[in-house]
Amino acid sequence: MKSLIRAVVVATVFAVPALSFAEGSQITRAQVRAELADLQSVGYHAGDGDQAHYPAAVQAAEAKLAARNGATAYGGTAGGATQSGNRVSQADWNAMYSR
């Protein structure tokens, strides 16, 4: 009986981390089909039997797609910048930095 309890505890300890890596959001079939259509529009052909160049072909198609859409690894485009206030006078500058 003790060995059964120990086995259940060990199995639980190993099963819990595996379940914690589940993806938080589910992707829909429509999203997968849209992504596949985008990849095919830049020249990727899924299921053509070319297993030898699989990762390189997908990565090349994703790079073409990113270039076409203007995507970068640095986030979206920055908005305009605004500034307010007045220019600091020389007297205030000197008082602030003890010149």
N, C-alpha and C. Protein backbone atom coordinates (compact mmCIF):
# COMPACT_ATOMS: atom_id res chain seq x y z
N MET A 1 0.82 -1.19 0.00
CA MET A 1 0.00 0.00 0.00
C MET A 1 0.86 1.26 0.00
N LYS A 2 1.97 1.20 0.78
CA LYS A 2 2.86 2.36 0.82
C LYS A 2 3.48 2.62 -0.55
N SER A 3 3.84 1.57 -1.24
CA SER A 3 4.46 1.75 -2.56
C SER A 3 3.46 2.31 -3.57
N LEU A 4 2.19 1.96 -3.43
CA LEU A 4 1.16 2.50 -4.32
C LEU A 4 1.00 4.00 -4.10
N ILE A 5 0.98 4.42 -2.85
CA ILE A 5 0.86 5.85 -2.55
C ILE A 5 2.09 6.59 -3.05
N ARG A 6 3.25 6.01 -2.85
CA ARG A 6 4.49 6.63 -3.32
C ARG A 6 4.48 6.75 -4.84
N ALA A 7 4.00 5.73 -5.53
CA ALA A 7 3.95 5.75 -6.99
C ALA A 7 2.98 6.83 -7.49
N VAL A 8 1.85 6.99 -6.80
CA VAL A 8 0.88 8.01 -7.19
C VAL A 8 1.46 9.40 -6.96
N VAL A 9 2.16 9.59 -5.85
CA VAL A 9 2.77 10.89 -5.57
C VAL A 9 3.83 11.22 -6.61
N VAL A 10 4.68 10.25 -6.95
CA VAL A 10 5.72 10.48 -7.95
C VAL A 10 5.10 10.78 -9.32
N ALA A 11 4.06 10.05 -9.69
CA ALA A 11 3.40 10.30 -10.97
C ALA A 11 2.77 11.69 -11.00
N THR A 12 2.20 12.11 -9.88
CA THR A 12 1.60 13.44 -9.80
C THR A 12 2.66 14.53 -9.91
N VAL A 13 3.79 14.31 -9.24
CA VAL A 13 4.87 15.30 -9.29
C VAL A 13 5.37 15.48 -10.71
N PHE A 14 5.44 14.40 -11.49
CA PHE A 14 5.92 14.51 -12.86
C PHE A 14 4.83 14.98 -13.82
N ALA A 15 3.57 14.77 -13.50
CA ALA A 15 2.49 15.15 -14.40
C ALA A 15 2.14 16.63 -14.30
N VAL A 16 2.25 17.22 -13.13
CA VAL A 16 1.85 18.62 -12.93
C VAL A 16 2.68 19.58 -13.79
N PRO A 17 4.02 19.48 -13.84
CA PRO A 17 4.75 20.41 -14.72
C PRO A 17 4.41 20.25 -16.19
N ALA A 18 4.12 19.03 -16.62
CA ALA A 18 3.76 18.83 -18.02
C ALA A 18 2.46 19.53 -18.36
N LEU A 19 1.53 19.55 -17.44
CA LEU A 19 0.25 20.22 -17.69
C LEU A 19 0.36 21.74 -17.58
N SER A 20 1.36 22.22 -16.87
CA SER A 20 1.49 23.66 -16.70
C SER A 20 2.02 24.36 -17.94
N PHE A 21 2.55 23.63 -18.91
CA PHE A 21 3.08 24.22 -20.12
C PHE A 21 2.03 24.34 -21.22
N ALA A 22 0.79 24.13 -20.91
CA ALA A 22 -0.27 24.24 -21.91
C ALA A 22 -0.35 25.68 -22.39
N GLU A 23 -0.63 25.84 -23.67
CA GLU A 23 -0.71 27.18 -24.26
C GLU A 23 -1.92 27.92 -23.72
N GLY A 24 -1.73 29.20 -23.45
CA GLY A 24 -2.79 29.99 -22.84
C GLY A 24 -3.94 30.31 -23.77
N SER A 25 -3.68 30.53 -25.03
CA SER A 25 -4.75 30.87 -25.96
C SER A 25 -4.80 29.85 -27.09
N GLN A 26 -5.99 29.55 -27.51
CA GLN A 26 -6.18 28.58 -28.59
C GLN A 26 -6.25 29.32 -29.91
N ILE A 27 -5.66 28.74 -30.93
CA ILE A 27 -5.72 29.31 -32.27
C ILE A 27 -6.84 28.60 -33.02
N THR A 28 -7.60 29.33 -33.79
CA THR A 28 -8.73 28.75 -34.49
C THR A 28 -8.31 28.23 -35.86
N ARG A 29 -9.16 27.43 -36.44
CA ARG A 29 -8.89 26.92 -37.80
C ARG A 29 -8.83 28.05 -38.81
N ALA A 30 -9.68 29.02 -38.62
CA ALA A 30 -9.70 30.16 -39.54
C ALA A 30 -8.38 30.91 -39.50
N GLN A 31 -7.80 31.05 -38.30
CA GLN A 31 -6.51 31.72 -38.19
C GLN A 31 -5.40 30.92 -38.86
N VAL A 32 -5.44 29.59 -38.70
CA VAL A 32 -4.44 28.74 -39.34
C VAL A 32 -4.57 28.82 -40.85
N ARG A 33 -5.80 28.77 -41.34
CA ARG A 33 -6.02 28.84 -42.80
C ARG A 33 -5.59 30.19 -43.36
N ALA A 34 -5.84 31.27 -42.61
CA ALA A 34 -5.43 32.60 -43.07
C ALA A 34 -3.91 32.70 -43.11
N GLU A 35 -3.24 32.14 -42.10
CA GLU A 35 -1.78 32.18 -42.09
C GLU A 35 -1.21 31.34 -43.23
N LEU A 36 -1.81 30.19 -43.49
CA LEU A 36 -1.35 29.34 -44.60
C LEU A 36 -1.58 30.04 -45.94
N ALA A 37 -2.70 30.72 -46.09
CA ALA A 37 -2.97 31.46 -47.33
C ALA A 37 -1.96 32.59 -47.52
N ASP A 38 -1.59 33.26 -46.42
CA ASP A 38 -0.57 34.31 -46.50
C ASP A 38 0.77 33.73 -46.93
N LEU A 39 1.14 32.58 -46.36
CA LEU A 39 2.41 31.95 -46.72
C LEU A 39 2.40 31.50 -48.18
N GLN A 40 1.27 30.98 -48.64
CA GLN A 40 1.18 30.54 -50.03
C GLN A 40 1.22 31.72 -50.98
N SER A 41 0.78 32.89 -50.54
CA SER A 41 0.80 34.05 -51.41
C SER A 41 2.21 34.56 -51.68
N VAL A 42 3.18 34.16 -50.85
CA VAL A 42 4.57 34.56 -51.08
C VAL A 42 5.42 33.41 -51.59
N GLY A 43 4.77 32.30 -52.00
CA GLY A 43 5.50 31.24 -52.67
C GLY A 43 5.70 29.96 -51.91
N TYR A 44 5.20 29.82 -50.71
CA TYR A 44 5.35 28.57 -49.96
C TYR A 44 4.25 27.61 -50.37
N HIS A 45 4.62 26.36 -50.61
CA HIS A 45 3.65 25.34 -51.01
C HIS A 45 3.65 24.24 -49.96
N ALA A 46 2.61 24.19 -49.15
CA ALA A 46 2.51 23.17 -48.11
C ALA A 46 2.14 21.83 -48.73
N GLY A 47 2.78 20.80 -48.26
CA GLY A 47 2.43 19.45 -48.70
C GLY A 47 2.92 19.08 -50.08
N ASP A 48 3.94 19.74 -50.60
CA ASP A 48 4.43 19.38 -51.93
C ASP A 48 5.46 18.26 -51.87
N GLY A 49 5.72 17.71 -50.68
CA GLY A 49 6.63 16.58 -50.55
C GLY A 49 8.09 16.95 -50.43
N ASP A 50 8.40 18.22 -50.33
CA ASP A 50 9.79 18.65 -50.22
C ASP A 50 10.20 18.69 -48.75
N GLN A 51 10.45 17.52 -48.18
CA GLN A 51 10.80 17.42 -46.77
C GLN A 51 12.24 17.86 -46.51
N ALA A 52 13.07 17.86 -47.51
CA ALA A 52 14.49 18.18 -47.31
C ALA A 52 14.70 19.65 -46.99
N HIS A 53 13.83 20.52 -47.47
CA HIS A 53 14.00 21.96 -47.27
C HIS A 53 12.89 22.56 -46.41
N TYR A 54 12.28 21.73 -45.56
CA TYR A 54 11.10 22.18 -44.81
C TYR A 54 11.35 23.41 -43.94
N PRO A 55 12.27 23.40 -43.00
CA PRO A 55 12.36 24.59 -42.15
C PRO A 55 12.82 25.83 -42.92
N ALA A 56 13.74 25.64 -43.83
CA ALA A 56 14.27 26.78 -44.58
C ALA A 56 13.19 27.39 -45.47
N ALA A 57 12.35 26.55 -46.07
CA ALA A 57 11.31 27.06 -46.96
C ALA A 57 10.27 27.87 -46.19
N VAL A 58 9.88 27.38 -45.03
CA VAL A 58 8.90 28.11 -44.23
C VAL A 58 9.49 29.42 -43.72
N GLN A 59 10.73 29.37 -43.26
CA GLN A 59 11.37 30.58 -42.75
C GLN A 59 11.56 31.61 -43.85
N ALA A 60 11.89 31.17 -45.05
CA ALA A 60 12.04 32.10 -46.17
C ALA A 60 10.69 32.73 -46.51
N ALA A 61 9.63 31.92 -46.50
CA ALA A 61 8.30 32.46 -46.79
C ALA A 61 7.86 33.44 -45.71
N GLU A 62 8.16 33.13 -44.45
CA GLU A 62 7.81 34.06 -43.37
C GLU A 62 8.60 35.36 -43.48
N ALA A 63 9.86 35.26 -43.90
CA ALA A 63 10.67 36.47 -44.08
C ALA A 63 10.11 37.33 -45.21
N LYS A 64 9.71 36.69 -46.32
CA LYS A 64 9.10 37.44 -47.43
C LYS A 64 7.79 38.10 -46.99
N LEU A 65 7.01 37.36 -46.20
CA LEU A 65 5.74 37.89 -45.72
C LEU A 65 5.97 39.07 -44.78
N ALA A 66 6.97 38.96 -43.91
CA ALA A 66 7.28 40.06 -42.99
C ALA A 66 7.77 41.28 -43.76
N ALA A 67 8.58 41.06 -44.80
CA ALA A 67 9.08 42.18 -45.60
C ALA A 67 7.93 42.84 -46.36
N ARG A 68 7.02 42.03 -46.85
CA ARG A 68 5.88 42.58 -47.59
C ARG A 68 4.97 43.39 -46.68
N ASN A 69 4.81 42.94 -45.46
CA ASN A 69 3.93 43.64 -44.52
C ASN A 69 4.65 44.74 -43.75
N GLY A 70 5.95 44.88 -43.97
CA GLY A 70 6.70 45.92 -43.30
C GLY A 70 6.92 45.66 -41.83
N ALA A 71 6.96 44.41 -41.43
CA ALA A 71 7.12 44.06 -40.02
C ALA A 71 8.59 44.06 -39.65
N THR A 72 8.87 44.48 -38.42
CA THR A 72 10.21 44.43 -37.87
C THR A 72 10.15 43.76 -36.51
N ALA A 73 11.31 43.51 -35.97
CA ALA A 73 11.37 42.88 -34.66
C ALA A 73 11.34 43.90 -33.53
N TYR A 74 11.12 45.15 -33.85
CA TYR A 74 11.19 46.18 -32.83
C TYR A 74 9.84 46.77 -32.47
N GLY A 75 8.76 46.15 -32.83
CA GLY A 75 7.45 46.65 -32.46
C GLY A 75 6.84 47.51 -33.55
N GLY A 76 5.76 48.14 -33.21
CA GLY A 76 5.02 48.95 -34.17
C GLY A 76 5.68 50.28 -34.45
N THR A 77 5.03 51.03 -35.31
CA THR A 77 5.57 52.34 -35.65
C THR A 77 5.31 53.32 -34.52
N ALA A 78 6.23 54.20 -34.33
CA ALA A 78 6.10 55.18 -33.26
C ALA A 78 5.22 56.33 -33.71
N GLY A 79 4.46 56.85 -32.80
CA GLY A 79 3.61 58.00 -33.09
C GLY A 79 4.43 59.27 -33.10
N GLY A 80 3.79 60.37 -33.38
CA GLY A 80 4.48 61.65 -33.39
C GLY A 80 4.91 62.07 -31.99
N ALA A 81 5.90 62.91 -31.93
CA ALA A 81 6.40 63.39 -30.64
C ALA A 81 5.98 64.83 -30.44
N THR A 82 5.67 65.16 -29.22
CA THR A 82 5.33 66.54 -28.89
C THR A 82 6.18 67.00 -27.72
N GLN A 83 6.44 68.27 -27.69
CA GLN A 83 7.20 68.86 -26.60
C GLN A 83 6.44 70.07 -26.10
N SER A 84 6.56 70.30 -24.82
CA SER A 84 5.92 71.49 -24.25
C SER A 84 6.87 72.15 -23.28
N GLY A 85 6.58 73.36 -22.93
CA GLY A 85 7.42 74.09 -22.00
C GLY A 85 8.22 75.17 -22.70
N ASN A 86 9.07 75.82 -21.94
CA ASN A 86 9.89 76.91 -22.47
C ASN A 86 11.36 76.54 -22.40
N ARG A 87 12.13 77.21 -23.21
CA ARG A 87 13.56 77.01 -23.19
C ARG A 87 14.11 77.59 -21.89
N VAL A 88 15.08 76.91 -21.29
CA VAL A 88 15.67 77.36 -20.03
C VAL A 88 16.61 78.52 -20.32
N SER A 89 16.48 79.57 -19.53
CA SER A 89 17.37 80.73 -19.72
C SER A 89 18.77 80.39 -19.22
N GLN A 90 19.75 81.16 -19.68
CA GLN A 90 21.14 80.91 -19.28
C GLN A 90 21.31 81.08 -17.77
N ALA A 91 20.63 82.04 -17.17
CA ALA A 91 20.73 82.26 -15.72
C ALA A 91 20.18 81.07 -14.95
N ASP A 92 19.04 80.54 -15.39
CA ASP A 92 18.48 79.37 -14.72
C ASP A 92 19.37 78.14 -14.92
N TRP A 93 19.94 78.01 -16.11
CA TRP A 93 20.85 76.91 -16.40
C TRP A 93 22.06 76.97 -15.48
N ASN A 94 22.64 78.16 -15.36
CA ASN A 94 23.82 78.32 -14.49
C ASN A 94 23.47 78.06 -13.03
N ALA A 95 22.29 78.49 -12.60
CA ALA A 95 21.88 78.25 -11.21
C ALA A 95 21.67 76.77 -10.95
N MET A 96 21.16 76.09 -11.94
CA MET A 96 20.89 74.67 -11.77
C MET A 96 22.18 73.85 -11.75
N TYR A 97 23.12 74.18 -12.61
CA TYR A 97 24.34 73.38 -12.73
C TYR A 97 25.57 74.07 -12.15
N SER A 98 25.39 75.11 -11.39
CA SER A 98 26.45 75.80 -10.63
C SER A 98 27.65 76.18 -11.48
N ARG A 99 27.42 76.96 -12.49
CA ARG A 99 28.54 77.43 -13.31
C ARG A 99 29.05 78.71 -12.79
